[in-house]
Amino acid sequence: MEKTLKLILDEVTGMRSEMNGVKNEIGGIRTDVSGLQENMSVVRTDVSGLQENMSVVRTDVSGLQENMGVVRTDVSGLQESMSGMRTDVNGLQKDMGGVHTELKGLQKNVGSLRTDVSHLKDGQSRLENNLDNLQKNLVSSLGDYTEKIIGHIDDSTEALNKRVFRAESKIESLNK
């Protein structure tokens, strides 16, 4: 029995050794769990900080969304203004088309006026030449007519003088 007891004692001693090993491992696990709990506490603190940051981010995003609403309103207003400007530009383009057409008409009229002025200048030049010729001819003709008039007056004066002489002669002969 002694042997049996010894065997049992050896077994119990072995079990104790194993139990001490298990206890040591449990102690290590407890240390690990304690370290994990500390890490978990740090993680919880970090998560809490992240949640606070997330809250700030949400507030910022909410503010940005409000600002985006204002920006959208401004952009909508700008689009309406641009639409009005496009309408105005289209109207100006139509008006410019009309002005362009009128300008072409004016250019044609100016070309026609230039042609007419050129014809008038040519006509004026011809008139001036003809007037110069007429003046020369008039002076020449006046000279000729003056000589004829002088000749006629001389002839008339001579005839009158002859009549006066005859009348005087008859008067003298009657007076005698």
N, C-alpha and C. Protein backbone atom coordinates (compact mmCIF):
# COMPACT_ATOMS: atom_id res chain seq x y z
N MET A 1 0.79 -1.12 0.00
CA MET A 1 0.00 0.00 0.00
C MET A 1 0.87 1.22 0.00
N GLU A 2 1.83 1.08 0.53
CA GLU A 2 2.81 2.14 0.52
C GLU A 2 3.15 2.52 -0.89
N LYS A 3 3.27 1.61 -1.65
CA LYS A 3 3.57 1.89 -3.03
C LYS A 3 2.42 2.61 -3.67
N THR A 4 1.31 2.24 -3.33
CA THR A 4 0.11 2.84 -3.90
C THR A 4 0.02 4.26 -3.39
N LEU A 5 0.30 4.38 -2.11
CA LEU A 5 0.22 5.72 -1.55
C LEU A 5 1.31 6.61 -2.17
N LYS A 6 2.41 5.99 -2.40
CA LYS A 6 3.50 6.73 -2.99
C LYS A 6 3.12 7.12 -4.41
N LEU A 7 2.53 6.22 -5.05
CA LEU A 7 2.08 6.50 -6.40
C LEU A 7 1.03 7.62 -6.39
N ILE A 8 0.13 7.50 -5.44
CA ILE A 8 -0.92 8.51 -5.34
C ILE A 8 -0.26 9.84 -4.98
N LEU A 9 0.70 9.77 -4.05
CA LEU A 9 1.37 10.98 -3.64
C LEU A 9 2.13 11.58 -4.83
N ASP A 10 2.78 10.76 -5.57
CA ASP A 10 3.49 11.23 -6.76
C ASP A 10 2.49 11.86 -7.74
N GLU A 11 1.39 11.20 -7.86
CA GLU A 11 0.34 11.69 -8.77
C GLU A 11 -0.16 13.03 -8.27
N VAL A 12 -0.43 13.12 -6.98
CA VAL A 12 -0.95 14.35 -6.40
C VAL A 12 0.13 15.42 -6.52
N THR A 13 1.37 15.09 -6.31
CA THR A 13 2.47 16.05 -6.43
C THR A 13 2.55 16.52 -7.88
N GLY A 14 2.44 15.60 -8.80
CA GLY A 14 2.47 15.95 -10.22
C GLY A 14 1.30 16.86 -10.57
N MET A 15 0.16 16.49 -9.93
CA MET A 15 -1.04 17.30 -10.20
C MET A 15 -0.86 18.70 -9.61
N ARG A 16 -0.20 18.72 -8.44
CA ARG A 16 0.04 20.01 -7.83
C ARG A 16 0.97 20.83 -8.71
N SER A 17 1.96 20.17 -9.22
CA SER A 17 2.89 20.86 -10.10
C SER A 17 2.14 21.38 -11.32
N GLU A 18 1.32 20.51 -11.84
CA GLU A 18 0.55 20.94 -13.02
C GLU A 18 -0.40 22.06 -12.62
N MET A 19 -0.96 21.95 -11.42
CA MET A 19 -1.89 22.97 -10.93
C MET A 19 -1.15 24.28 -10.74
N ASN A 20 0.08 24.18 -10.22
CA ASN A 20 0.87 25.41 -10.07
C ASN A 20 1.14 26.03 -11.44
N GLY A 21 1.44 25.14 -12.38
CA GLY A 21 1.66 25.64 -13.76
C GLY A 21 0.39 26.30 -14.29
N VAL A 22 -0.79 25.65 -14.02
CA VAL A 22 -2.07 26.20 -14.48
C VAL A 22 -2.32 27.51 -13.76
N LYS A 23 -2.00 27.51 -12.42
CA LYS A 23 -2.20 28.73 -11.65
C LYS A 23 -1.33 29.86 -12.24
N ASN A 24 -0.09 29.48 -12.55
CA ASN A 24 0.82 30.49 -13.15
C ASN A 24 0.24 31.00 -14.49
N GLU A 25 -0.26 30.04 -15.24
CA GLU A 25 -0.84 30.44 -16.53
C GLU A 25 -2.07 31.30 -16.30
N ILE A 26 -2.91 30.95 -15.31
CA ILE A 26 -4.10 31.74 -14.99
C ILE A 26 -3.65 33.12 -14.53
N GLY A 27 -2.58 33.17 -13.70
CA GLY A 27 -2.04 34.47 -13.26
C GLY A 27 -1.60 35.29 -14.46
N GLY A 28 -0.94 34.61 -15.43
CA GLY A 28 -0.51 35.32 -16.65
C GLY A 28 -1.72 35.79 -17.45
N ILE A 29 -2.75 34.90 -17.48
CA ILE A 29 -3.97 35.27 -18.22
C ILE A 29 -4.63 36.45 -17.53
N ARG A 30 -4.64 36.39 -16.16
CA ARG A 30 -5.24 37.51 -15.42
C ARG A 30 -4.47 38.81 -15.70
N THR A 31 -3.15 38.71 -15.74
CA THR A 31 -2.32 39.88 -16.05
C THR A 31 -2.64 40.39 -17.46
N ASP A 32 -2.75 39.40 -18.39
CA ASP A 32 -3.09 39.77 -19.77
C ASP A 32 -4.47 40.41 -19.82
N VAL A 33 -5.43 39.79 -19.07
CA VAL A 33 -6.79 40.34 -19.05
C VAL A 33 -6.77 41.73 -18.43
N SER A 34 -6.01 41.91 -17.35
CA SER A 34 -5.90 43.21 -16.72
C SER A 34 -5.30 44.22 -17.70
N GLY A 35 -4.27 43.80 -18.43
CA GLY A 35 -3.66 44.68 -19.45
C GLY A 35 -4.67 44.98 -20.55
N LEU A 36 -5.43 43.94 -20.92
CA LEU A 36 -6.45 44.16 -21.97
C LEU A 36 -7.53 45.11 -21.46
N GLN A 37 -7.89 44.96 -20.16
CA GLN A 37 -8.89 45.85 -19.60
C GLN A 37 -8.38 47.29 -19.60
N GLU A 38 -7.09 47.46 -19.26
CA GLU A 38 -6.50 48.81 -19.31
C GLU A 38 -6.53 49.34 -20.74
N ASN A 39 -6.11 48.45 -21.68
CA ASN A 39 -6.14 48.85 -23.09
C ASN A 39 -7.58 49.17 -23.52
N MET A 40 -8.53 48.38 -23.02
CA MET A 40 -9.94 48.58 -23.34
C MET A 40 -10.38 49.93 -22.81
N SER A 41 -9.91 50.29 -21.61
CA SER A 41 -10.24 51.59 -21.02
C SER A 41 -9.68 52.71 -21.90
N VAL A 42 -8.43 52.53 -22.37
CA VAL A 42 -7.82 53.52 -23.27
C VAL A 42 -8.61 53.60 -24.57
N VAL A 43 -9.00 52.40 -25.07
CA VAL A 43 -9.77 52.36 -26.31
C VAL A 43 -11.11 53.08 -26.11
N ARG A 44 -11.76 52.83 -24.94
CA ARG A 44 -13.04 53.48 -24.65
C ARG A 44 -12.84 55.00 -24.60
N THR A 45 -11.74 55.43 -23.95
CA THR A 45 -11.44 56.86 -23.90
C THR A 45 -11.24 57.41 -25.31
N ASP A 46 -10.49 56.65 -26.12
CA ASP A 46 -10.26 57.07 -27.51
C ASP A 46 -11.57 57.11 -28.29
N VAL A 47 -12.41 56.08 -28.08
CA VAL A 47 -13.70 56.04 -28.78
C VAL A 47 -14.56 57.21 -28.33
N SER A 48 -14.53 57.51 -27.02
CA SER A 48 -15.29 58.65 -26.51
C SER A 48 -14.80 59.94 -27.17
N GLY A 49 -13.46 60.10 -27.27
CA GLY A 49 -12.87 61.27 -27.96
C GLY A 49 -13.30 61.30 -29.42
N LEU A 50 -13.28 60.10 -30.05
CA LEU A 50 -13.70 60.03 -31.45
C LEU A 50 -15.16 60.41 -31.60
N GLN A 51 -15.99 59.97 -30.60
CA GLN A 51 -17.41 60.31 -30.65
C GLN A 51 -17.59 61.82 -30.52
N GLU A 52 -16.79 62.43 -29.62
CA GLU A 52 -16.86 63.89 -29.47
C GLU A 52 -16.42 64.56 -30.77
N ASN A 53 -15.31 64.06 -31.35
CA ASN A 53 -14.83 64.61 -32.62
C ASN A 53 -15.88 64.42 -33.71
N MET A 54 -16.53 63.24 -33.67
CA MET A 54 -17.57 62.94 -34.65
C MET A 54 -18.72 63.92 -34.50
N SER A 55 -19.04 64.26 -33.24
CA SER A 55 -20.10 65.23 -32.98
C SER A 55 -19.72 66.59 -33.57
N VAL A 56 -18.45 66.99 -33.36
CA VAL A 56 -17.96 68.25 -33.92
C VAL A 56 -18.01 68.20 -35.45
N VAL A 57 -17.59 67.05 -35.99
CA VAL A 57 -17.60 66.88 -37.45
C VAL A 57 -19.04 66.99 -37.97
N ARG A 58 -19.99 66.34 -37.24
CA ARG A 58 -21.41 66.41 -37.64
C ARG A 58 -21.89 67.86 -37.62
N THR A 59 -21.50 68.59 -36.55
CA THR A 59 -21.88 70.00 -36.46
C THR A 59 -21.29 70.78 -37.63
N ASP A 60 -20.00 70.52 -37.91
CA ASP A 60 -19.35 71.19 -39.04
C ASP A 60 -20.04 70.83 -40.36
N VAL A 61 -20.38 69.55 -40.53
CA VAL A 61 -21.05 69.11 -41.76
C VAL A 61 -22.42 69.78 -41.86
N SER A 62 -23.12 69.88 -40.72
CA SER A 62 -24.42 70.54 -40.71
C SER A 62 -24.26 72.00 -41.14
N GLY A 63 -23.25 72.66 -40.58
CA GLY A 63 -22.95 74.05 -40.98
C GLY A 63 -22.62 74.14 -42.44
N LEU A 64 -21.81 73.20 -42.93
CA LEU A 64 -21.46 73.18 -44.36
C LEU A 64 -22.69 72.96 -45.22
N GLN A 65 -23.61 72.11 -44.75
CA GLN A 65 -24.84 71.87 -45.51
C GLN A 65 -25.67 73.14 -45.57
N GLU A 66 -25.73 73.87 -44.43
CA GLU A 66 -26.44 75.15 -44.44
C GLU A 66 -25.77 76.12 -45.41
N ASN A 67 -24.43 76.17 -45.35
CA ASN A 67 -23.69 77.04 -46.27
C ASN A 67 -23.91 76.62 -47.71
N MET A 68 -23.99 75.32 -47.94
CA MET A 68 -24.24 74.82 -49.30
C MET A 68 -25.62 75.28 -49.77
N GLY A 69 -26.59 75.32 -48.85
CA GLY A 69 -27.91 75.83 -49.20
C GLY A 69 -27.83 77.27 -49.66
N VAL A 70 -27.05 78.08 -48.92
CA VAL A 70 -26.86 79.48 -49.29
C VAL A 70 -26.14 79.56 -50.63
N VAL A 71 -25.11 78.74 -50.80
CA VAL A 71 -24.35 78.73 -52.06
C VAL A 71 -25.26 78.33 -53.21
N ARG A 72 -26.11 77.31 -52.97
CA ARG A 72 -27.04 76.88 -54.02
C ARG A 72 -27.99 78.02 -54.39
N THR A 73 -28.46 78.74 -53.37
CA THR A 73 -29.33 79.88 -53.63
C THR A 73 -28.59 80.93 -54.45
N ASP A 74 -27.34 81.21 -54.05
CA ASP A 74 -26.54 82.18 -54.80
C ASP A 74 -26.30 81.72 -56.22
N VAL A 75 -25.97 80.44 -56.38
CA VAL A 75 -25.72 79.90 -57.72
C VAL A 75 -27.01 79.97 -58.55
N SER A 76 -28.14 79.67 -57.92
CA SER A 76 -29.42 79.76 -58.62
C SER A 76 -29.66 81.20 -59.07
N GLY A 77 -29.38 82.15 -58.18
CA GLY A 77 -29.51 83.57 -58.55
C GLY A 77 -28.58 83.93 -59.68
N LEU A 78 -27.35 83.44 -59.62
CA LEU A 78 -26.39 83.70 -60.70
C LEU A 78 -26.86 83.09 -62.01
N GLN A 79 -27.44 81.90 -61.93
CA GLN A 79 -27.94 81.26 -63.14
C GLN A 79 -29.08 82.07 -63.74
N GLU A 80 -29.96 82.59 -62.87
CA GLU A 80 -31.05 83.42 -63.36
C GLU A 80 -30.48 84.69 -64.00
N SER A 81 -29.48 85.29 -63.34
CA SER A 81 -28.84 86.49 -63.89
C SER A 81 -28.20 86.18 -65.23
N MET A 82 -27.52 85.03 -65.30
CA MET A 82 -26.88 84.63 -66.56
C MET A 82 -27.93 84.43 -67.65
N SER A 83 -29.06 83.86 -67.27
CA SER A 83 -30.14 83.67 -68.23
C SER A 83 -30.62 85.02 -68.75
N GLY A 84 -30.79 85.97 -67.83
CA GLY A 84 -31.17 87.32 -68.24
C GLY A 84 -30.12 87.95 -69.14
N MET A 85 -28.86 87.74 -68.80
CA MET A 85 -27.77 88.29 -69.61
C MET A 85 -27.77 87.66 -71.00
N ARG A 86 -28.02 86.34 -71.03
CA ARG A 86 -28.08 85.67 -72.34
C ARG A 86 -29.19 86.26 -73.19
N THR A 87 -30.34 86.50 -72.54
CA THR A 87 -31.46 87.11 -73.26
C THR A 87 -31.05 88.48 -73.78
N ASP A 88 -30.40 89.26 -72.90
CA ASP A 88 -29.94 90.59 -73.31
C ASP A 88 -28.94 90.50 -74.45
N VAL A 89 -27.99 89.57 -74.34
CA VAL A 89 -26.97 89.40 -75.38
C VAL A 89 -27.64 88.99 -76.70
N ASN A 90 -28.62 88.08 -76.61
CA ASN A 90 -29.33 87.67 -77.83
C ASN A 90 -30.04 88.87 -78.44
N GLY A 91 -30.68 89.69 -77.60
CA GLY A 91 -31.33 90.90 -78.10
C GLY A 91 -30.33 91.83 -78.74
N LEU A 92 -29.18 92.00 -78.09
CA LEU A 92 -28.12 92.86 -78.66
C LEU A 92 -27.62 92.30 -79.99
N GLN A 93 -27.50 90.98 -80.07
CA GLN A 93 -27.04 90.37 -81.32
C GLN A 93 -28.05 90.63 -82.43
N LYS A 94 -29.35 90.52 -82.10
CA LYS A 94 -30.38 90.81 -83.10
C LYS A 94 -30.29 92.27 -83.52
N ASP A 95 -30.16 93.15 -82.51
CA ASP A 95 -30.04 94.58 -82.81
C ASP A 95 -28.80 94.85 -83.67
N MET A 96 -27.70 94.19 -83.33
CA MET A 96 -26.47 94.36 -84.10
C MET A 96 -26.66 93.86 -85.53
N GLY A 97 -27.45 92.79 -85.68
CA GLY A 97 -27.75 92.31 -87.03
C GLY A 97 -28.49 93.37 -87.82
N GLY A 98 -29.48 94.02 -87.17
CA GLY A 98 -30.20 95.11 -87.82
C GLY A 98 -29.29 96.27 -88.14
N VAL A 99 -28.43 96.62 -87.17
CA VAL A 99 -27.48 97.72 -87.39
C VAL A 99 -26.54 97.36 -88.53
N HIS A 100 -26.12 96.12 -88.56
CA HIS A 100 -25.20 95.66 -89.60
C HIS A 100 -25.88 95.79 -90.97
N THR A 101 -27.16 95.39 -91.05
CA THR A 101 -27.91 95.50 -92.30
C THR A 101 -28.03 96.97 -92.70
N GLU A 102 -28.38 97.82 -91.72
CA GLU A 102 -28.50 99.24 -92.01
C GLU A 102 -27.15 99.83 -92.43
N LEU A 103 -26.08 99.37 -91.80
CA LEU A 103 -24.75 99.84 -92.14
C LEU A 103 -24.40 99.47 -93.58
N LYS A 104 -24.76 98.24 -93.98
CA LYS A 104 -24.52 97.84 -95.37
C LYS A 104 -25.30 98.74 -96.32
N GLY A 105 -26.56 99.04 -95.95
CA GLY A 105 -27.37 99.94 -96.77
C GLY A 105 -26.74 101.31 -96.85
N LEU A 106 -26.25 101.82 -95.69
CA LEU A 106 -25.58 103.12 -95.68
C LEU A 106 -24.31 103.10 -96.52
N GLN A 107 -23.58 101.98 -96.46
CA GLN A 107 -22.35 101.88 -97.26
C GLN A 107 -22.70 101.93 -98.76
N LYS A 108 -23.79 101.25 -99.14
CA LYS A 108 -24.22 101.30 -100.54
C LYS A 108 -24.61 102.72 -100.91
N ASN A 109 -25.36 103.38 -100.00
CA ASN A 109 -25.78 104.76 -100.27
C ASN A 109 -24.57 105.69 -100.37
N VAL A 110 -23.59 105.49 -99.48
CA VAL A 110 -22.37 106.31 -99.53
C VAL A 110 -21.64 106.07 -100.85
N GLY A 111 -21.59 104.81 -101.27
CA GLY A 111 -20.96 104.52 -102.57
C GLY A 111 -21.70 105.21 -103.70
N SER A 112 -23.02 105.18 -103.64
CA SER A 112 -23.83 105.86 -104.65
C SER A 112 -23.61 107.36 -104.59
N LEU A 113 -23.55 107.91 -103.35
CA LEU A 113 -23.29 109.35 -103.20
C LEU A 113 -21.91 109.72 -103.74
N ARG A 114 -20.94 108.87 -103.51
CA ARG A 114 -19.60 109.15 -104.04
C ARG A 114 -19.62 109.18 -105.56
N THR A 115 -20.35 108.24 -106.14
CA THR A 115 -20.47 108.21 -107.60
C THR A 115 -21.16 109.49 -108.07
N ASP A 116 -22.27 109.85 -107.39
CA ASP A 116 -23.00 111.06 -107.76
C ASP A 116 -22.13 112.30 -107.61
N VAL A 117 -21.37 112.39 -106.52
CA VAL A 117 -20.47 113.53 -106.31
C VAL A 117 -19.42 113.58 -107.40
N SER A 118 -18.92 112.41 -107.76
CA SER A 118 -17.93 112.36 -108.84
C SER A 118 -18.54 112.88 -110.14
N HIS A 119 -19.78 112.46 -110.44
CA HIS A 119 -20.48 112.95 -111.65
C HIS A 119 -20.70 114.45 -111.56
N LEU A 120 -21.10 114.92 -110.35
CA LEU A 120 -21.32 116.36 -110.17
C LEU A 120 -20.02 117.14 -110.38
N LYS A 121 -18.91 116.61 -109.88
CA LYS A 121 -17.62 117.29 -110.07
C LYS A 121 -17.26 117.34 -111.54
N ASP A 122 -17.50 116.22 -112.23
CA ASP A 122 -17.22 116.20 -113.67
C ASP A 122 -18.10 117.23 -114.38
N GLY A 123 -19.40 117.26 -114.01
CA GLY A 123 -20.32 118.22 -114.63
C GLY A 123 -19.92 119.65 -114.32
N GLN A 124 -19.51 119.89 -113.06
CA GLN A 124 -19.07 121.23 -112.67
C GLN A 124 -17.83 121.63 -113.48
N SER A 125 -16.93 120.67 -113.65
CA SER A 125 -15.72 120.95 -114.43
C SER A 125 -16.09 121.31 -115.86
N ARG A 126 -17.03 120.55 -116.45
CA ARG A 126 -17.48 120.85 -117.81
C ARG A 126 -18.16 122.22 -117.86
N LEU A 127 -19.01 122.51 -116.83
CA LEU A 127 -19.67 123.82 -116.79
C LEU A 127 -18.66 124.95 -116.69
N GLU A 128 -17.64 124.77 -115.84
CA GLU A 128 -16.61 125.80 -115.70
C GLU A 128 -15.88 126.01 -117.02
N ASN A 129 -15.56 124.90 -117.71
CA ASN A 129 -14.90 125.03 -119.02
C ASN A 129 -15.81 125.74 -120.01
N ASN A 130 -17.10 125.33 -120.03
CA ASN A 130 -18.05 125.96 -120.95
C ASN A 130 -18.25 127.43 -120.59
N LEU A 131 -18.27 127.76 -119.26
CA LEU A 131 -18.42 129.14 -118.84
C LEU A 131 -17.22 129.96 -119.28
N ASP A 132 -16.02 129.39 -119.15
CA ASP A 132 -14.82 130.08 -119.63
C ASP A 132 -14.93 130.33 -121.12
N ASN A 133 -15.35 129.31 -121.87
CA ASN A 133 -15.50 129.47 -123.33
C ASN A 133 -16.58 130.51 -123.64
N LEU A 134 -17.70 130.47 -122.85
CA LEU A 134 -18.79 131.42 -123.07
C LEU A 134 -18.32 132.83 -122.80
N GLN A 135 -17.52 133.00 -121.72
CA GLN A 135 -17.00 134.34 -121.41
C GLN A 135 -16.09 134.83 -122.53
N LYS A 136 -15.24 133.94 -123.01
CA LYS A 136 -14.33 134.31 -124.10
C LYS A 136 -15.14 134.66 -125.35
N ASN A 137 -16.15 133.80 -125.63
CA ASN A 137 -16.99 134.05 -126.81
C ASN A 137 -17.80 135.32 -126.63
N LEU A 138 -18.30 135.57 -125.38
CA LEU A 138 -19.08 136.76 -125.11
C LEU A 138 -18.25 138.01 -125.31
N VAL A 139 -17.02 137.99 -124.80
CA VAL A 139 -16.13 139.14 -124.97
C VAL A 139 -15.86 139.35 -126.45
N SER A 140 -15.60 138.24 -127.11
CA SER A 140 -15.33 138.32 -128.54
C SER A 140 -16.56 138.82 -129.29
N SER A 141 -17.73 138.28 -128.93
CA SER A 141 -18.98 138.68 -129.60
C SER A 141 -19.32 140.12 -129.26
N LEU A 142 -19.11 140.54 -128.01
CA LEU A 142 -19.37 141.93 -127.64
C LEU A 142 -18.48 142.87 -128.44
N GLY A 143 -17.28 142.45 -128.65
CA GLY A 143 -16.36 143.27 -129.46
C GLY A 143 -16.91 143.41 -130.88
N ASP A 144 -17.33 142.27 -131.43
CA ASP A 144 -17.89 142.29 -132.79
C ASP A 144 -19.16 143.15 -132.84
N TYR A 145 -20.05 142.92 -131.87
CA TYR A 145 -21.31 143.67 -131.86
C TYR A 145 -21.07 145.14 -131.58
N THR A 146 -20.11 145.44 -130.74
CA THR A 146 -19.77 146.84 -130.45
C THR A 146 -19.31 147.52 -131.73
N GLU A 147 -18.47 146.85 -132.49
CA GLU A 147 -18.00 147.42 -133.75
C GLU A 147 -19.16 147.63 -134.73
N LYS A 148 -20.09 146.63 -134.74
CA LYS A 148 -21.25 146.76 -135.62
C LYS A 148 -22.14 147.90 -135.15
N ILE A 149 -22.33 148.02 -133.84
CA ILE A 149 -23.16 149.09 -133.28
C ILE A 149 -22.52 150.43 -133.59
N ILE A 150 -21.21 150.52 -133.37
CA ILE A 150 -20.49 151.77 -133.66
C ILE A 150 -20.61 152.10 -135.15
N GLY A 151 -20.47 151.06 -135.97
CA GLY A 151 -20.60 151.27 -137.43
C GLY A 151 -22.01 151.74 -137.77
N HIS A 152 -23.03 151.14 -137.14
CA HIS A 152 -24.42 151.51 -137.40
C HIS A 152 -24.67 152.94 -136.92
N ILE A 153 -24.12 153.26 -135.70
CA ILE A 153 -24.30 154.62 -135.17
C ILE A 153 -23.60 155.61 -136.07
N ASP A 154 -22.41 155.26 -136.51
CA ASP A 154 -21.68 156.15 -137.42
C ASP A 154 -22.48 156.37 -138.70
N ASP A 155 -23.03 155.25 -139.21
CA ASP A 155 -23.83 155.36 -140.45
C ASP A 155 -25.07 156.20 -140.19
N SER A 156 -25.72 155.93 -139.04
CA SER A 156 -26.94 156.69 -138.70
C SER A 156 -26.59 158.15 -138.47
N THR A 157 -25.48 158.39 -137.77
CA THR A 157 -25.05 159.76 -137.51
C THR A 157 -24.73 160.46 -138.81
N GLU A 158 -24.08 159.81 -139.70
CA GLU A 158 -23.72 160.41 -140.99
C GLU A 158 -24.99 160.73 -141.79
N ALA A 159 -25.95 159.77 -141.75
CA ALA A 159 -27.21 159.99 -142.48
C ALA A 159 -27.96 161.15 -141.83
N LEU A 160 -27.96 161.20 -140.50
CA LEU A 160 -28.64 162.27 -139.79
C LEU A 160 -27.96 163.61 -140.07
N ASN A 161 -26.65 163.58 -140.06
CA ASN A 161 -25.90 164.79 -140.36
C ASN A 161 -26.23 165.28 -141.77
N LYS A 162 -26.37 164.36 -142.69
CA LYS A 162 -26.71 164.73 -144.07
C LYS A 162 -28.09 165.34 -144.10
N ARG A 163 -29.02 164.78 -143.37
CA ARG A 163 -30.39 165.31 -143.34
C ARG A 163 -30.41 166.68 -142.68
N VAL A 164 -29.64 166.77 -141.52
CA VAL A 164 -29.59 168.06 -140.84
C VAL A 164 -28.98 169.09 -141.79
N PHE A 165 -27.94 168.69 -142.49
CA PHE A 165 -27.29 169.61 -143.43
C PHE A 165 -28.27 170.03 -144.50
N ARG A 166 -29.04 169.13 -145.03
CA ARG A 166 -30.01 169.43 -146.08
C ARG A 166 -31.10 170.34 -145.50
N ALA A 167 -31.53 169.99 -144.24
CA ALA A 167 -32.56 170.82 -143.63
C ALA A 167 -32.03 172.22 -143.40
N GLU A 168 -30.84 172.37 -142.92
CA GLU A 168 -30.24 173.66 -142.69
C GLU A 168 -30.07 174.40 -144.01
N SER A 169 -29.65 173.64 -144.99
CA SER A 169 -29.46 174.26 -146.31
C SER A 169 -30.79 174.77 -146.85
N LYS A 170 -31.85 174.03 -146.67
CA LYS A 170 -33.16 174.44 -147.16
C LYS A 170 -33.65 175.61 -146.33
N ILE A 171 -33.38 175.58 -145.04
CA ILE A 171 -33.80 176.66 -144.17
C ILE A 171 -33.03 177.92 -144.58
N GLU A 172 -31.82 177.80 -144.88
CA GLU A 172 -31.01 178.94 -145.30
C GLU A 172 -31.48 179.43 -146.65
N SER A 173 -31.74 178.54 -147.49
CA SER A 173 -32.21 178.96 -148.81
C SER A 173 -33.61 179.57 -148.68
N LEU A 174 -34.39 179.17 -147.79
CA LEU A 174 -35.71 179.74 -147.58
C LEU A 174 -35.55 181.08 -146.88
N ASN A 175 -34.64 181.20 -146.04
CA ASN A 175 -34.41 182.45 -145.34
C ASN A 175 -33.84 183.47 -146.32
N LYS A 176 -33.30 183.18 -147.28
CA LYS A 176 -32.68 184.10 -148.22
C LYS A 176 -33.66 184.47 -149.21
